């Protein structure tokens, strides 16, 4: 789920719709003890990883809404359904069935990834958040898939966003 909020003149939290630039600013890997950093933060944890594509977040009067979001390769064409949640929005159904893990290390190994996120405002134009990615069903024909700590396992990303 993604929750997106902004301050109103009454002091209550109010949602603002639009296209947002998301970036991953840090991560934790409970799957492979840090080995998935190359997939989610390829320049290392000290360099934020901008999503390749902006993400449109609908207004409350557009809800419920179903559409696809694209973040960056390999996270493109992810179907989501957006509904109202307490103090914001909830994005559900972001599932990628065959994400290539790291071809140089693991060959043709793919896994299923399910993404849930929470985003909080810092202003009407910027916010922070957390994305939780459940990774399961590791498979590949070359026998090079790693053994995750659990199946499913969890990767957590810290996010920043800015309205475009």
C-alpha atoms as a PDB file:
ATOM      1  CA  UNK A   1       0.000   0.000   0.000  1.00  0.00           C
ATOM      2  CA  UNK A   2       1.097   3.579  -0.567  1.00  0.00           C
ATOM      3  CA  UNK A   3      -0.162   6.327   1.697  1.00  0.00           C
ATOM      4  CA  UNK A   4       0.382   9.857   0.414  1.00  0.00           C
ATOM      5  CA  UNK A   5      -0.501  12.866   2.551  1.00  0.00           C
ATOM      6  CA  UNK A   6      -0.044  16.643   2.600  1.00  0.00           C
ATOM      7  CA  UNK A   7      -0.963  19.438   5.009  1.00  0.00           C
ATOM      8  CA  UNK A   8      -4.089  21.535   4.514  1.00  0.00           C
ATOM      9  CA  UNK A   9      -4.810  25.016   5.791  1.00  0.00           C
ATOM     10  CA  UNK A  10      -6.927  23.540   8.613  1.00  0.00           C
ATOM     11  CA  UNK A  11      -3.984  21.576   9.968  1.00  0.00           C
ATOM     12  CA  UNK A  12      -5.533  18.288   8.853  1.00  0.00           C
ATOM     13  CA  UNK A  13      -3.717  16.041   6.422  1.00  0.00           C
ATOM     14  CA  UNK A  14      -4.877  16.352   2.805  1.00  0.00           C
ATOM     15  CA  UNK A  15      -3.905  14.346  -0.268  1.00  0.00           C
ATOM     16  CA  UNK A  16      -2.390  16.078  -3.351  1.00  0.00           C
ATOM     17  CA  UNK A  17      -2.543  14.239  -6.704  1.00  0.00           C
ATOM     18  CA  UNK A  18       0.083  14.358  -9.447  1.00  0.00           C
ATOM     19  CA  UNK A  19       3.221  12.800 -10.860  1.00  0.00           C
ATOM     20  CA  UNK A  20       5.976  12.133  -8.339  1.00  0.00           C
ATOM     21  CA  UNK A  21       9.648  11.293  -8.666  1.00  0.00           C
ATOM     22  CA  UNK A  22      10.491   8.473  -6.243  1.00  0.00           C
ATOM     23  CA  UNK A  23      13.996   7.590  -5.046  1.00  0.00           C
ATOM     24  CA  UNK A  24      15.328   4.771  -2.900  1.00  0.00           C
ATOM     25  CA  UNK A  25      17.597   6.279  -0.225  1.00  0.00           C
ATOM     26  CA  UNK A  26      18.426   3.180   1.852  1.00  0.00           C
ATOM     27  CA  UNK A  27      17.497  -0.479   2.157  1.00  0.00           C
ATOM     28  CA  UNK A  28      17.660  -3.574   4.309  1.00  0.00           C
ATOM     29  CA  UNK A  29      17.845  -7.065   2.872  1.00  0.00           C
ATOM     30  CA  UNK A  30      16.388  -9.901   4.955  1.00  0.00           C
ATOM     31  CA  UNK A  31      16.682 -12.240   1.963  1.00  0.00           C
ATOM     32  CA  UNK A  32      20.352 -12.549   1.042  1.00  0.00           C
ATOM     33  CA  UNK A  33      22.184 -10.621   3.747  1.00  0.00           C
ATOM     34  CA  UNK A  34      22.765  -7.546   1.582  1.00  0.00           C
ATOM     35  CA  UNK A  35      23.354  -9.227  -1.787  1.00  0.00           C
ATOM     36  CA  UNK A  36      20.201  -7.675  -3.271  1.00  0.00           C
ATOM     37  CA  UNK A  37      21.680  -4.184  -2.909  1.00  0.00           C
ATOM     38  CA  UNK A  38      22.885  -4.529  -6.514  1.00  0.00           C
ATOM     39  CA  UNK A  39      19.259  -4.827  -7.693  1.00  0.00           C
ATOM     40  CA  UNK A  40      17.691  -2.050  -5.615  1.00  0.00           C
ATOM     41  CA  UNK A  41      20.604   0.386  -5.141  1.00  0.00           C
ATOM     42  CA  UNK A  42      23.139  -0.450  -7.875  1.00  0.00           C
ATOM     43  CA  UNK A  43      25.350   2.575  -7.067  1.00  0.00           C
ATOM     44  CA  UNK A  44      25.555   1.579  -3.383  1.00  0.00           C
ATOM     45  CA  UNK A  45      23.660   2.686  -0.295  1.00  0.00           C
ATOM     46  CA  UNK A  46      25.271   6.117  -0.200  1.00  0.00           C
ATOM     47  CA  UNK A  47      23.826   7.059  -3.619  1.00  0.00           C
ATOM     48  CA  UNK A  48      20.027   7.462  -3.877  1.00  0.00           C
ATOM     49  CA  UNK A  49      18.497   5.463  -6.734  1.00  0.00           C
ATOM     50  CA  UNK A  50      15.888   7.472  -8.661  1.00  0.00           C
ATOM     51  CA  UNK A  51      13.054   5.519 -10.221  1.00  0.00           C
ATOM     52  CA  UNK A  52      13.271   5.763 -13.993  1.00  0.00           C
ATOM     53  CA  UNK A  53       9.615   6.712 -14.450  1.00  0.00           C
ATOM     54  CA  UNK A  54       7.436   9.133 -12.463  1.00  0.00           C
ATOM     55  CA  UNK A  55       4.517   7.611 -10.568  1.00  0.00           C
ATOM     56  CA  UNK A  56       1.063   9.138 -10.937  1.00  0.00           C
ATOM     57  CA  UNK A  57      -0.923   9.280  -7.703  1.00  0.00           C
ATOM     58  CA  UNK A  58      -4.659   9.943  -8.243  1.00  0.00           C
ATOM     59  CA  UNK A  59      -6.859  12.363  -6.352  1.00  0.00           C
ATOM     60  CA  UNK A  60      -9.467  11.120  -3.878  1.00  0.00           C
ATOM     61  CA  UNK A  61     -12.297  11.859  -6.316  1.00  0.00           C
ATOM     62  CA  UNK A  62     -10.701   9.475  -8.860  1.00  0.00           C
ATOM     63  CA  UNK A  63     -10.939   6.506  -6.490  1.00  0.00           C
ATOM     64  CA  UNK A  64     -11.108   3.606  -6.745  1.00  0.00           C
ATOM     65  CA  UNK A  65      -8.641   3.515  -9.633  1.00  0.00           C
ATOM     66  CA  UNK A  66      -6.824   0.628 -11.302  1.00  0.00           C
ATOM     67  CA  UNK A  67      -3.872   1.141 -13.630  1.00  0.00           C
ATOM     68  CA  UNK A  68      -0.254   0.143 -14.188  1.00  0.00           C
ATOM     69  CA  UNK A  69       2.768   1.839 -12.655  1.00  0.00           C
ATOM     70  CA  UNK A  70       6.344   1.612 -13.860  1.00  0.00           C
ATOM     71  CA  UNK A  71       9.199   2.416 -11.521  1.00  0.00           C
ATOM     72  CA  UNK A  72      12.377   1.313 -13.272  1.00  0.00           C
ATOM     73  CA  UNK A  73      13.609  -1.866 -14.934  1.00  0.00           C
ATOM     74  CA  UNK A  74      12.665  -4.564 -14.044  1.00  0.00           C
ATOM     75  CA  UNK A  75       9.679  -3.036 -12.197  1.00  0.00           C
ATOM     76  CA  UNK A  76       7.562  -1.962 -15.170  1.00  0.00           C
ATOM     77  CA  UNK A  77       3.905  -2.505 -15.942  1.00  0.00           C
ATOM     78  CA  UNK A  78       2.926  -3.330 -12.356  1.00  0.00           C
ATOM     79  CA  UNK A  79      -0.879  -3.427 -12.012  1.00  0.00           C
ATOM     80  CA  UNK A  80      -2.213  -1.612  -8.933  1.00  0.00           C
ATOM     81  CA  UNK A  81      -5.585  -0.746  -7.495  1.00  0.00           C
ATOM     82  CA  UNK A  82      -5.768   2.494  -5.554  1.00  0.00           C
ATOM     83  CA  UNK A  83      -8.378   2.984  -2.839  1.00  0.00           C
ATOM     84  CA  UNK A  84      -8.856   5.437  -0.008  1.00  0.00           C
ATOM     85  CA  UNK A  85      -7.292   4.456   3.312  1.00  0.00           C
ATOM     86  CA  UNK A  86      -7.286   6.290   6.631  1.00  0.00           C
ATOM     87  CA  UNK A  87      -5.388   9.574   6.016  1.00  0.00           C
ATOM     88  CA  UNK A  88      -4.381   8.743   2.473  1.00  0.00           C
ATOM     89  CA  UNK A  89      -4.348   6.181  -0.303  1.00  0.00           C
ATOM     90  CA  UNK A  90      -3.667   2.485  -0.513  1.00  0.00           C
ATOM     91  CA  UNK A  91      -1.982   0.915  -3.558  1.00  0.00           C
ATOM     92  CA  UNK A  92      -2.609  -2.827  -3.751  1.00  0.00           C
ATOM     93  CA  UNK A  93      -1.823  -5.610  -6.161  1.00  0.00           C
ATOM     94  CA  UNK A  94       1.703  -4.599  -7.195  1.00  0.00           C
ATOM     95  CA  UNK A  95       3.001  -8.061  -8.127  1.00  0.00           C
ATOM     96  CA  UNK A  96       5.781  -8.934 -10.560  1.00  0.00           C
ATOM     97  CA  UNK A  97       5.852 -12.670 -11.283  1.00  0.00           C
ATOM     98  CA  UNK A  98       9.302 -12.995 -12.865  1.00  0.00           C
ATOM     99  CA  UNK A  99      11.910 -10.468 -11.737  1.00  0.00           C
ATOM    100  CA  UNK A 100      15.454 -11.351 -12.833  1.00  0.00           C
ATOM    101  CA  UNK A 101      17.494 -11.193  -9.625  1.00  0.00           C
ATOM    102  CA  UNK A 102      21.086 -10.462 -10.753  1.00  0.00           C
ATOM    103  CA  UNK A 103      22.062 -12.164 -13.987  1.00  0.00           C
ATOM    104  CA  UNK A 104      25.815 -11.726 -13.534  1.00  0.00           C
ATOM    105  CA  UNK A 105      25.677 -13.534 -10.165  1.00  0.00           C
ATOM    106  CA  UNK A 106      22.656 -15.831 -10.434  1.00  0.00           C
ATOM    107  CA  UNK A 107      22.143 -16.510 -14.147  1.00  0.00           C
ATOM    108  CA  UNK A 108      18.504 -16.891 -15.139  1.00  0.00           C
ATOM    109  CA  UNK A 109      17.221 -16.896 -11.530  1.00  0.00           C
ATOM    110  CA  UNK A 110      13.883 -15.097 -11.182  1.00  0.00           C
ATOM    111  CA  UNK A 111      11.546 -14.544  -8.241  1.00  0.00           C
ATOM    112  CA  UNK A 112       8.053 -13.234  -7.580  1.00  0.00           C
ATOM    113  CA  UNK A 113       7.945  -9.822  -5.881  1.00  0.00           C
ATOM    114  CA  UNK A 114       4.952  -8.252  -4.131  1.00  0.00           C
ATOM    115  CA  UNK A 115       5.292  -4.568  -3.214  1.00  0.00           C
ATOM    116  CA  UNK A 116       3.491  -2.663  -0.420  1.00  0.00           C
ATOM    117  CA  UNK A 117       4.477   0.914   0.458  1.00  0.00           C
ATOM    118  CA  UNK A 118       3.631   3.693   2.894  1.00  0.00           C
ATOM    119  CA  UNK A 119       4.428   7.301   2.026  1.00  0.00           C
ATOM    120  CA  UNK A 120       4.154  10.320   4.348  1.00  0.00           C
ATOM    121  CA  UNK A 121       4.326  14.012   3.427  1.00  0.00           C
ATOM    122  CA  UNK A 122       6.955  16.456   4.498  1.00  0.00           C
ATOM    123  CA  UNK A 123       5.240  19.191   2.472  1.00  0.00           C
ATOM    124  CA  UNK A 124       2.687  19.375  -0.333  1.00  0.00           C
ATOM    125  CA  UNK A 125       5.523  18.656  -2.773  1.00  0.00           C
ATOM    126  CA  UNK A 126       7.737  16.118  -0.962  1.00  0.00           C
ATOM    127  CA  UNK A 127       7.551  13.115   1.296  1.00  0.00           C
ATOM    128  CA  UNK A 128       9.279  10.062   2.676  1.00  0.00           C
ATOM    129  CA  UNK A 129       8.206   6.471   2.899  1.00  0.00           C
ATOM    130  CA  UNK A 130       8.922   2.794   3.200  1.00  0.00           C
ATOM    131  CA  UNK A 131       8.358   0.048   0.628  1.00  0.00           C
ATOM    132  CA  UNK A 132       8.234  -3.579   1.704  1.00  0.00           C
ATOM    133  CA  UNK A 133       8.952  -6.140  -1.001  1.00  0.00           C
ATOM    134  CA  UNK A 134       8.090  -9.767  -0.294  1.00  0.00           C
ATOM    135  CA  UNK A 135      10.231 -11.993  -2.502  1.00  0.00           C
ATOM    136  CA  UNK A 136       9.206 -15.608  -3.092  1.00  0.00           C
ATOM    137  CA  UNK A 137       9.301 -18.541  -5.522  1.00  0.00           C
ATOM    138  CA  UNK A 138      12.992 -18.321  -6.479  1.00  0.00           C
ATOM    139  CA  UNK A 139      13.564 -20.363  -9.631  1.00  0.00           C
ATOM    140  CA  UNK A 140      15.878 -20.780 -12.597  1.00  0.00           C
ATOM    141  CA  UNK A 141      16.949 -23.501 -15.028  1.00  0.00           C
ATOM    142  CA  UNK A 142      20.697 -23.014 -14.487  1.00  0.00           C
ATOM    143  CA  UNK A 143      20.678 -24.049 -10.816  1.00  0.00           C
ATOM    144  CA  UNK A 144      22.306 -20.758  -9.762  1.00  0.00           C
ATOM    145  CA  UNK A 145      19.505 -19.322  -7.587  1.00  0.00           C
ATOM    146  CA  UNK A 146      20.702 -18.354  -4.119  1.00  0.00           C
ATOM    147  CA  UNK A 147      19.147 -19.774  -0.972  1.00  0.00           C
ATOM    148  CA  UNK A 148      17.219 -16.936   0.692  1.00  0.00           C
ATOM    149  CA  UNK A 149      17.000 -16.731   4.484  1.00  0.00           C
ATOM    150  CA  UNK A 150      13.235 -17.420   4.196  1.00  0.00           C
ATOM    151  CA  UNK A 151      10.663 -17.886   1.428  1.00  0.00           C
ATOM    152  CA  UNK A 152       9.049 -15.412   1.219  1.00  0.00           C
ATOM    153  CA  UNK A 153      11.687 -13.023   2.474  1.00  0.00           C
ATOM    154  CA  UNK A 154      11.585  -9.247   2.853  1.00  0.00           C
ATOM    155  CA  UNK A 155      13.513  -6.327   1.385  1.00  0.00           C
ATOM    156  CA  UNK A 156      12.665  -2.924   2.868  1.00  0.00           C
ATOM    157  CA  UNK A 157      13.379   0.285   0.971  1.00  0.00           C
ATOM    158  CA  UNK A 158      13.423   3.793   2.401  1.00  0.00           C
ATOM    159  CA  UNK A 159      11.952   6.252  -0.078  1.00  0.00           C
ATOM    160  CA  UNK A 160      11.837   9.945  -0.820  1.00  0.00           C
ATOM    161  CA  UNK A 161       9.434  11.499  -3.281  1.00  0.00           C
ATOM    162  CA  UNK A 162       9.046  14.878  -4.896  1.00  0.00           C
ATOM    163  CA  UNK A 163       6.129  16.205  -6.890  1.00  0.00           C
ATOM    164  CA  UNK A 164       7.043  17.025 -10.489  1.00  0.00           C
END
